Amino acid sequence: MATLAEKGAGAFDLTGRTAVVTGAASGLGRAMAIAMAACGARIAAIDRDAAGLASLAAAIGSESFVGDVADLGFRDEVVARTTASGRVDILLCSAGVALRKDALETTPEEFDAMMGVNVRSIFFWNQAFGRHMIAAGGGAIVNVASQGGIIPLEGRPAYCASKAAVIQLSKSLARDWIPHGVRVNAIAPGLSDTPFIASMHDVPGRIERALAHIPAGRMGVPDDMVGPILLLVSDAGRYIIGQVLVVDGGWTVF
């Protein structure tokens, strides 16, 4: 059998594997779903945006599940349907929401709603598919955190707390599940030019202040996540366990 070094680009081959992707309708989730499909994976795409999922399905032939990731009944439906015909090999939890509010202005309802998507849903989607992967003998899970889980971001304390929780959750699950062949890692994107940051453009000077922190001199784009996700979910990353891959143009270095 050829080594990974001998396989070269073939080490990223995902032919015959099934990947479940939350937050797949737009932005980073969409780009990562397309990349995995290009490497041969069958994609089950989850989002609240039906039109975005339809567009993705037209592009890559993905199966669409329209719903709210915070709804555990919806989660159970997705698990049942995606595992009925075989094994799910990859889970990418990319769905998330932002809360750009000072701590003094954040309401309990806003805090709970954001934590419900950014932390609680990731925990329980990991739980369900982790259980399936353990029974199946292995798999790869990647949770999307943020550079805000590593360094504080201006005016977003609750959001930063939620992403720090994703990082620690991923590390803890990695420790518990690697004996069963399930690799868990996280990706921490930096400021990326996607619909997720649309509200930042409404604040004069906000984008310019952020760019001043990025040594690469630009915001990230969805394509910047292609290499990281393919590494973490493929055989090329088979020895990467419990890590946080920061993709931020160098912001957190300085």
Protein backbone atom coordinates (compact mmCIF):
# COMPACT_ATOMS: atom_id res chain seq x y z
CA MET A 1 0.00 0.00 0.00
CA ALA A 2 1.31 3.43 -0.95
CA THR A 3 2.34 5.81 1.80
CA LEU A 4 0.71 9.23 2.09
CA ALA A 5 3.91 10.79 0.75
CA GLU A 6 3.62 8.58 -2.32
CA LYS A 7 -0.05 9.39 -2.73
CA GLY A 8 0.65 13.13 -2.83
CA ALA A 9 -2.57 14.97 -3.66
CA GLY A 10 -4.34 11.62 -3.43
CA ALA A 11 -3.96 11.83 0.33
CA PHE A 12 -6.88 14.29 0.25
CA ASP A 13 -9.14 11.86 -1.63
CA LEU A 14 -12.56 11.57 0.04
CA THR A 15 -14.18 9.25 -2.48
CA GLY A 16 -16.81 7.05 -0.88
CA ARG A 17 -17.09 9.16 2.26
CA THR A 18 -20.11 11.06 3.50
CA ALA A 19 -19.78 14.48 5.10
CA VAL A 20 -22.50 16.25 7.09
CA VAL A 21 -22.03 20.04 6.97
CA THR A 22 -24.01 22.52 9.07
CA GLY A 23 -24.14 26.15 7.96
CA ALA A 24 -23.52 25.01 4.39
CA ALA A 25 -25.68 27.47 2.47
CA SER A 26 -23.19 30.36 2.33
CA GLY A 27 -19.81 31.70 3.33
CA LEU A 28 -17.16 29.45 4.82
CA GLY A 29 -19.46 26.45 5.23
CA ARG A 30 -20.41 26.51 1.56
CA ALA A 31 -16.77 26.76 0.44
CA MET A 32 -15.72 23.85 2.64
CA ALA A 33 -18.63 21.70 1.44
CA ILE A 34 -17.71 22.38 -2.19
CA ALA A 35 -14.07 21.52 -1.50
CA MET A 36 -14.95 18.19 0.10
CA ALA A 37 -17.31 17.37 -2.75
CA ALA A 38 -14.54 18.13 -5.24
CA CYS A 39 -12.43 15.52 -3.46
CA GLY A 40 -15.15 12.91 -3.85
CA ALA A 41 -17.26 13.20 -0.69
CA ARG A 42 -21.04 12.95 -0.70
CA ILE A 43 -22.36 16.04 1.07
CA ALA A 44 -25.39 16.30 3.35
CA ALA A 45 -25.89 20.06 3.71
CA ILE A 46 -27.76 21.66 6.61
CA ASP A 47 -28.94 25.27 6.92
CA ARG A 48 -31.99 27.46 7.54
CA ASP A 49 -31.49 29.06 4.11
CA ALA A 50 -33.47 26.91 1.67
CA ALA A 51 -32.48 28.97 -1.37
CA GLY A 52 -28.80 28.76 -0.48
CA LEU A 53 -29.02 24.99 -0.04
CA ALA A 54 -30.79 24.67 -3.39
CA SER A 55 -27.99 26.63 -5.04
CA LEU A 56 -25.40 24.39 -3.41
CA ALA A 57 -27.26 21.25 -4.48
CA ALA A 58 -27.32 22.48 -8.06
CA ALA A 59 -23.56 23.01 -7.93
CA ILE A 60 -22.40 19.79 -6.26
CA GLY A 61 -25.39 17.46 -6.01
CA SER A 62 -25.59 17.69 -2.23
CA GLU A 63 -28.54 16.44 -0.20
CA SER A 64 -30.34 19.29 1.54
CA PHE A 65 -31.81 19.50 5.05
CA VAL A 66 -33.53 22.78 5.85
CA GLY A 67 -33.85 23.52 9.56
CA ASP A 68 -32.47 25.06 12.73
CA VAL A 69 -29.39 23.34 14.16
CA ALA A 70 -30.52 24.35 17.66
CA ASP A 71 -33.59 22.12 17.27
CA LEU A 72 -32.62 18.68 18.57
CA GLY A 73 -35.64 17.10 16.90
CA PHE A 74 -34.31 18.36 13.56
CA ARG A 75 -30.87 17.00 14.48
CA ASP A 76 -32.35 13.57 15.16
CA GLU A 77 -34.10 13.62 11.79
CA VAL A 78 -30.85 14.44 10.00
CA VAL A 79 -28.96 11.73 11.87
CA ALA A 80 -31.59 9.13 11.05
CA ARG A 81 -31.73 10.00 7.36
CA THR A 82 -27.99 10.37 6.77
CA THR A 83 -27.05 7.16 8.57
CA ALA A 84 -29.90 5.03 7.20
CA SER A 85 -28.05 4.25 3.99
CA GLY A 86 -24.59 3.82 5.46
CA ARG A 87 -21.81 5.47 7.38
CA VAL A 88 -21.21 9.17 8.01
CA ASP A 89 -17.46 9.72 8.00
CA ILE A 90 -17.18 13.47 8.50
CA LEU A 91 -19.03 16.09 10.52
CA LEU A 92 -18.30 19.77 9.94
CA CYS A 93 -20.13 22.09 12.35
CA SER A 94 -19.96 25.47 10.63
CA ALA A 95 -23.30 27.00 11.63
CA GLY A 96 -22.95 29.97 13.94
CA VAL A 97 -24.36 33.38 14.78
CA ALA A 98 -22.70 36.63 15.77
CA LEU A 99 -23.51 38.98 18.64
CA ARG A 100 -21.72 42.30 18.33
CA LYS A 101 -22.79 43.91 21.59
CA ASP A 102 -21.04 45.20 24.66
CA ALA A 103 -21.55 43.14 27.81
CA LEU A 104 -23.51 45.99 29.40
CA GLU A 105 -26.06 45.90 26.56
CA THR A 106 -26.43 42.16 26.02
CA THR A 107 -29.77 40.75 27.14
CA PRO A 108 -30.25 37.27 28.64
CA GLU A 109 -32.37 36.35 25.61
CA GLU A 110 -29.65 37.35 23.16
CA PHE A 111 -27.00 35.52 25.16
CA ASP A 112 -29.03 32.32 25.38
CA ALA A 113 -29.98 32.38 21.69
CA MET A 114 -26.37 32.76 20.60
CA MET A 115 -25.08 30.11 22.98
CA GLY A 116 -27.84 27.81 21.76
CA VAL A 117 -26.43 27.88 18.23
CA ASN A 118 -22.72 28.44 18.84
CA VAL A 119 -22.19 26.02 21.73
CA ARG A 120 -25.21 23.90 22.62
CA SER A 121 -25.97 22.82 19.04
CA ILE A 122 -22.33 21.94 18.36
CA PHE A 123 -22.19 19.85 21.52
CA PHE A 124 -25.28 17.88 20.61
CA TRP A 125 -24.47 17.44 16.90
CA ASN A 126 -21.03 16.18 17.97
CA GLN A 127 -22.72 13.89 20.48
CA ALA A 128 -25.07 12.32 17.94
CA PHE A 129 -22.58 11.81 15.14
CA GLY A 130 -19.79 10.95 17.58
CA ARG A 131 -21.94 8.10 18.86
CA HIS A 132 -22.49 6.94 15.26
CA MET A 133 -18.79 7.20 14.37
CA ILE A 134 -17.68 5.34 17.49
CA ALA A 135 -20.02 2.49 16.60
CA ALA A 136 -18.77 2.55 13.01
CA GLY A 137 -15.11 2.47 14.01
CA GLY A 138 -13.96 6.02 13.32
CA GLY A 139 -14.51 9.37 11.69
CA ALA A 140 -13.44 13.01 11.61
CA ILE A 141 -15.18 15.96 13.25
CA VAL A 142 -14.26 19.61 12.72
CA ASN A 143 -15.93 22.40 14.67
CA VAL A 144 -15.70 25.99 13.46
CA ALA A 145 -14.56 28.30 16.25
CA SER A 146 -13.05 31.74 15.68
CA GLN A 147 -9.94 33.76 16.39
CA GLY A 148 -12.29 35.38 18.92
CA GLY A 149 -12.05 32.19 20.95
CA ILE A 150 -8.31 32.83 21.30
CA ILE A 151 -8.01 36.61 21.59
CA PRO A 152 -10.58 39.21 22.71
CA LEU A 153 -12.40 41.07 19.96
CA GLU A 154 -13.76 44.58 20.41
CA GLY A 155 -17.36 44.70 21.62
CA ARG A 156 -18.06 40.97 21.42
CA PRO A 157 -17.48 39.37 24.84
CA ALA A 158 -20.34 36.89 24.64
CA TYR A 159 -19.42 35.82 21.12
CA CYS A 160 -15.78 35.34 22.14
CA ALA A 161 -16.88 33.26 25.12
CA SER A 162 -18.98 31.03 22.87
CA LYS A 163 -16.08 30.38 20.51
CA ALA A 164 -13.67 29.70 23.37
CA ALA A 165 -16.17 27.08 24.52
CA VAL A 166 -16.10 25.46 21.07
CA ILE A 167 -12.31 25.21 21.24
CA GLN A 168 -12.28 23.57 24.66
CA LEU A 169 -15.17 21.27 23.72
CA SER A 170 -13.26 20.09 20.66
CA LYS A 171 -10.13 19.38 22.65
CA SER A 172 -12.05 17.49 25.34
CA LEU A 173 -13.95 15.36 22.83
CA ALA A 174 -10.71 14.64 20.97
CA ARG A 175 -9.18 13.25 24.15
CA ASP A 176 -12.21 11.09 24.89
CA TRP A 177 -12.91 9.76 21.41
CA ILE A 178 -9.54 9.15 19.75
CA PRO A 179 -9.30 5.68 21.37
CA HIS A 180 -12.37 4.88 19.24
CA GLY A 181 -10.81 6.24 16.04
CA VAL A 182 -12.73 9.52 16.01
CA ARG A 183 -10.56 12.58 15.40
CA VAL A 184 -11.93 15.91 16.64
CA ASN A 185 -10.34 19.24 15.75
CA ALA A 186 -11.37 22.88 15.39
CA ILE A 187 -10.77 25.63 12.87
CA ALA A 188 -10.52 29.24 14.04
CA PRO A 189 -11.09 31.62 11.12
CA GLY A 190 -10.20 35.26 11.33
CA LEU A 191 -12.10 38.14 9.77
CA SER A 192 -13.52 36.79 6.52
CA ASP A 193 -15.38 38.57 3.74
CA THR A 194 -18.69 36.69 3.99
CA PRO A 195 -22.33 37.58 4.78
CA PHE A 196 -21.50 36.80 8.43
CA ILE A 197 -19.77 40.20 8.81
CA ALA A 198 -22.29 42.24 6.81
CA SER A 199 -23.20 44.44 9.78
CA MET A 200 -19.56 45.48 10.24
CA HIS A 201 -19.72 47.39 6.96
CA ASP A 202 -22.41 49.62 8.46
CA VAL A 203 -20.04 50.98 11.11
CA PRO A 204 -17.71 53.68 9.70
CA GLY A 205 -14.07 52.68 9.99
CA ARG A 206 -14.83 49.26 11.52
CA ILE A 207 -13.38 47.19 8.68
CA GLU A 208 -10.36 49.48 8.36
CA ARG A 209 -9.57 49.13 12.08
CA ALA A 210 -9.75 45.37 11.79
CA LEU A 211 -7.53 45.27 8.71
CA ALA A 212 -4.85 47.12 10.63
CA HIS A 213 -4.46 43.99 12.79
CA ILE A 214 -3.96 41.57 9.88
CA PRO A 215 -0.34 41.16 8.75
CA ALA A 216 -1.51 39.55 5.50
CA GLY A 217 -3.07 42.91 4.63
CA ARG A 218 -6.51 41.62 3.67
CA MET A 219 -9.58 39.90 5.01
CA GLY A 220 -9.92 36.20 4.52
CA VAL A 221 -12.13 34.77 1.78
CA PRO A 222 -14.02 31.46 1.78
CA ASP A 223 -11.39 29.82 -0.43
CA ASP A 224 -8.84 30.30 2.37
CA MET A 225 -10.63 27.53 4.30
CA VAL A 226 -10.28 24.90 1.58
CA GLY A 227 -6.78 23.70 2.45
CA PRO A 228 -7.39 23.59 6.22
CA ILE A 229 -10.61 21.59 6.01
CA LEU A 230 -9.24 19.08 3.51
CA LEU A 231 -6.22 18.53 5.75
CA LEU A 232 -8.29 17.95 8.87
CA VAL A 233 -10.91 15.60 7.40
CA SER A 234 -8.73 13.53 5.07
CA ASP A 235 -6.08 10.87 5.59
CA ALA A 236 -3.47 13.62 5.19
CA GLY A 237 -4.42 14.80 8.68
CA ARG A 238 -4.73 11.39 10.29
CA TYR A 239 -2.28 12.29 13.11
CA ILE A 240 -3.82 15.70 13.90
CA ILE A 241 -5.96 15.34 17.01
CA GLY A 242 -7.47 17.94 19.33
CA GLN A 243 -5.89 20.91 17.58
CA VAL A 244 -7.12 24.38 16.70
CA LEU A 245 -6.03 25.45 13.23
CA VAL A 246 -6.04 29.24 13.18
CA VAL A 247 -6.67 30.74 9.72
CA ASP A 248 -6.53 34.49 10.31
CA GLY A 249 -3.85 36.06 8.12
CA GLY A 250 -1.56 36.34 11.14
CA TRP A 251 -3.79 38.44 13.42
CA THR A 252 -3.27 36.30 16.53
CA VAL A 253 0.51 36.10 16.06
CA PHE A 254 1.13 39.70 17.09
